[in-house]
Amino acid sequence: MRSPRIKPKPEEGAAYYHLITRVVGSEMLLGEVEKEMMRRHAWLVAERCGIEVLTYHVMTNHVHIVVCAPKRDLLPAIREGQAEKVDVSRDQFGSERW
């Protein structure tokens, strides 16, 4: 059973998350090329989102990543109009797509 997330209060600083993703049906689909693609994609996403990948492990059917999301004060950027606009659209299944 999944355990609840532990989120720090905003004044406490950074938050740490253990992320897990799995291949549908637990099939062993991730070979060496796919593992490298997954690793590169994780770093691209982390860079874009402003988080730090602390450690990771890519296996043939799932991935574990531990990240640190630093404390951020976005309110001044929003007030000054410097915050990036995020384009969220929906795919054919109704899920959000960034």
C-alpha atoms as a PDB file:
ATOM      1  CA  MET A   1       0.000   0.000   0.000  1.00  0.00           C
ATOM      2  CA  ARG A   2       1.195   3.483  -0.840  1.00  0.00           C
ATOM      3  CA  SER A   3       2.330   5.602   2.089  1.00  0.00           C
ATOM      4  CA  PRO A   4       1.311   9.266   2.367  1.00  0.00           C
ATOM      5  CA  ARG A   5       3.615  11.975   1.082  1.00  0.00           C
ATOM      6  CA  ILE A   6       5.515  14.030   3.597  1.00  0.00           C
ATOM      7  CA  LYS A   7       5.444  17.662   2.552  1.00  0.00           C
ATOM      8  CA  PRO A   8       7.399  20.288   4.461  1.00  0.00           C
ATOM      9  CA  LYS A   9       5.854  23.604   5.374  1.00  0.00           C
ATOM     10  CA  PRO A  10       6.875  26.378   2.933  1.00  0.00           C
ATOM     11  CA  GLU A  11       9.087  28.036   5.540  1.00  0.00           C
ATOM     12  CA  GLU A  12      11.009  24.787   6.125  1.00  0.00           C
ATOM     13  CA  GLY A  13      12.714  24.764   2.753  1.00  0.00           C
ATOM     14  CA  ALA A  14      13.305  22.040   0.189  1.00  0.00           C
ATOM     15  CA  ALA A  15      11.115  18.976  -0.311  1.00  0.00           C
ATOM     16  CA  TYR A  16      12.415  15.482  -1.154  1.00  0.00           C
ATOM     17  CA  TYR A  17      10.481  12.954  -3.222  1.00  0.00           C
ATOM     18  CA  HIS A  18      11.005   9.288  -4.097  1.00  0.00           C
ATOM     19  CA  LEU A  19       9.507   8.805  -7.566  1.00  0.00           C
ATOM     20  CA  ILE A  20       8.707   5.423  -9.100  1.00  0.00           C
ATOM     21  CA  THR A  21       7.431   4.640 -12.558  1.00  0.00           C
ATOM     22  CA  ARG A  22       6.768   1.197 -14.009  1.00  0.00           C
ATOM     23  CA  VAL A  23       6.348  -0.424 -17.391  1.00  0.00           C
ATOM     24  CA  VAL A  24       2.750  -1.443 -18.099  1.00  0.00           C
ATOM     25  CA  GLY A  25       2.221  -5.111 -17.314  1.00  0.00           C
ATOM     26  CA  SER A  26       5.632  -5.331 -15.576  1.00  0.00           C
ATOM     27  CA  GLU A  27       7.186  -6.464 -18.854  1.00  0.00           C
ATOM     28  CA  MET A  28      10.994  -6.321 -19.077  1.00  0.00           C
ATOM     29  CA  LEU A  29      11.167  -3.713 -21.855  1.00  0.00           C
ATOM     30  CA  LEU A  30      14.030  -1.437 -20.827  1.00  0.00           C
ATOM     31  CA  GLY A  31      17.294  -2.485 -22.449  1.00  0.00           C
ATOM     32  CA  GLU A  32      20.549  -0.522 -22.273  1.00  0.00           C
ATOM     33  CA  VAL A  33      19.489   1.990 -24.967  1.00  0.00           C
ATOM     34  CA  GLU A  34      16.091   2.589 -23.351  1.00  0.00           C
ATOM     35  CA  LYS A  35      17.691   2.958 -19.908  1.00  0.00           C
ATOM     36  CA  GLU A  36      20.034   5.640 -21.245  1.00  0.00           C
ATOM     37  CA  MET A  37      17.107   7.442 -22.900  1.00  0.00           C
ATOM     38  CA  MET A  38      15.190   7.334 -19.597  1.00  0.00           C
ATOM     39  CA  ARG A  39      18.199   8.727 -17.714  1.00  0.00           C
ATOM     40  CA  ARG A  40      18.657  11.587 -20.193  1.00  0.00           C
ATOM     41  CA  HIS A  41      14.944  12.398 -20.145  1.00  0.00           C
ATOM     42  CA  ALA A  42      14.925  12.500 -16.325  1.00  0.00           C
ATOM     43  CA  TRP A  43      17.721  15.080 -16.351  1.00  0.00           C
ATOM     44  CA  LEU A  44      15.987  17.187 -19.002  1.00  0.00           C
ATOM     45  CA  VAL A  45      12.745  17.219 -17.029  1.00  0.00           C
ATOM     46  CA  ALA A  46      14.584  17.984 -13.776  1.00  0.00           C
ATOM     47  CA  GLU A  47      16.414  20.904 -15.380  1.00  0.00           C
ATOM     48  CA  ARG A  48      13.226  22.322 -16.865  1.00  0.00           C
ATOM     49  CA  CYS A  49      11.347  21.991 -13.560  1.00  0.00           C
ATOM     50  CA  GLY A  50      14.166  23.369 -11.418  1.00  0.00           C
ATOM     51  CA  ILE A  51      14.621  20.234  -9.330  1.00  0.00           C
ATOM     52  CA  GLU A  52      17.758  18.242  -8.550  1.00  0.00           C
ATOM     53  CA  VAL A  53      18.100  14.502  -9.182  1.00  0.00           C
ATOM     54  CA  LEU A  54      19.897  13.137  -6.109  1.00  0.00           C
ATOM     55  CA  THR A  55      20.050   9.492  -7.137  1.00  0.00           C
ATOM     56  CA  TYR A  56      18.343   7.088  -9.507  1.00  0.00           C
ATOM     57  CA  HIS A  57      18.216   3.451 -10.577  1.00  0.00           C
ATOM     58  CA  VAL A  58      16.803   2.247 -13.899  1.00  0.00           C
ATOM     59  CA  MET A  59      15.837  -1.430 -14.073  1.00  0.00           C
ATOM     60  CA  THR A  60      14.338  -3.465 -16.908  1.00  0.00           C
ATOM     61  CA  ASN A  61      10.746  -2.768 -15.854  1.00  0.00           C
ATOM     62  CA  HIS A  62      10.782   0.226 -13.501  1.00  0.00           C
ATOM     63  CA  VAL A  63      12.689   3.330 -12.427  1.00  0.00           C
ATOM     64  CA  HIS A  64      13.393   4.869  -9.009  1.00  0.00           C
ATOM     65  CA  ILE A  65      14.433   8.536  -8.777  1.00  0.00           C
ATOM     66  CA  VAL A  66      15.015  10.612  -5.636  1.00  0.00           C
ATOM     67  CA  VAL A  67      14.724  14.351  -6.228  1.00  0.00           C
ATOM     68  CA  CYS A  68      15.030  17.551  -4.235  1.00  0.00           C
ATOM     69  CA  ALA A  69      12.617  20.389  -5.008  1.00  0.00           C
ATOM     70  CA  PRO A  70      14.144  23.580  -3.592  1.00  0.00           C
ATOM     71  CA  LYS A  71      12.115  26.166  -1.742  1.00  0.00           C
ATOM     72  CA  ARG A  72      10.968  28.766  -4.241  1.00  0.00           C
ATOM     73  CA  ASP A  73       9.210  32.051  -3.764  1.00  0.00           C
ATOM     74  CA  LEU A  74       7.319  32.582  -7.019  1.00  0.00           C
ATOM     75  CA  LEU A  75       5.109  35.395  -5.790  1.00  0.00           C
ATOM     76  CA  PRO A  76       7.586  38.243  -6.592  1.00  0.00           C
ATOM     77  CA  ALA A  77       8.115  36.859 -10.125  1.00  0.00           C
ATOM     78  CA  ILE A  78       4.351  36.659 -10.660  1.00  0.00           C
ATOM     79  CA  ARG A  79       3.889  40.218  -9.418  1.00  0.00           C
ATOM     80  CA  GLU A  80       6.596  41.465 -11.779  1.00  0.00           C
ATOM     81  CA  GLY A  81       5.242  39.482 -14.722  1.00  0.00           C
ATOM     82  CA  GLN A  82       8.404  37.384 -15.022  1.00  0.00           C
ATOM     83  CA  ALA A  83       6.842  33.980 -14.395  1.00  0.00           C
ATOM     84  CA  GLU A  84       6.746  31.682 -17.410  1.00  0.00           C
ATOM     85  CA  LYS A  85       3.377  30.916 -18.896  1.00  0.00           C
ATOM     86  CA  VAL A  86       2.663  27.209 -19.022  1.00  0.00           C
ATOM     87  CA  ASP A  87       0.722  25.871 -21.982  1.00  0.00           C
ATOM     88  CA  VAL A  88      -1.413  22.993 -20.810  1.00  0.00           C
ATOM     89  CA  SER A  89      -3.442  21.221 -23.456  1.00  0.00           C
ATOM     90  CA  ARG A  90      -5.277  17.914 -23.402  1.00  0.00           C
ATOM     91  CA  ASP A  91      -4.372  14.832 -25.409  1.00  0.00           C
ATOM     92  CA  GLN A  92      -6.880  12.538 -27.097  1.00  0.00           C
ATOM     93  CA  PHE A  93      -7.592  10.772 -23.784  1.00  0.00           C
ATOM     94  CA  GLY A  94      -8.290  13.978 -21.856  1.00  0.00           C
ATOM     95  CA  SER A  95      -5.019  13.940 -19.906  1.00  0.00           C
ATOM     96  CA  GLU A  96      -3.074  17.155 -19.448  1.00  0.00           C
ATOM     97  CA  ARG A  97      -0.108  17.489 -21.772  1.00  0.00           C
ATOM     98  CA  TRP A  98       2.611  20.094 -21.154  1.00  0.00           C
END
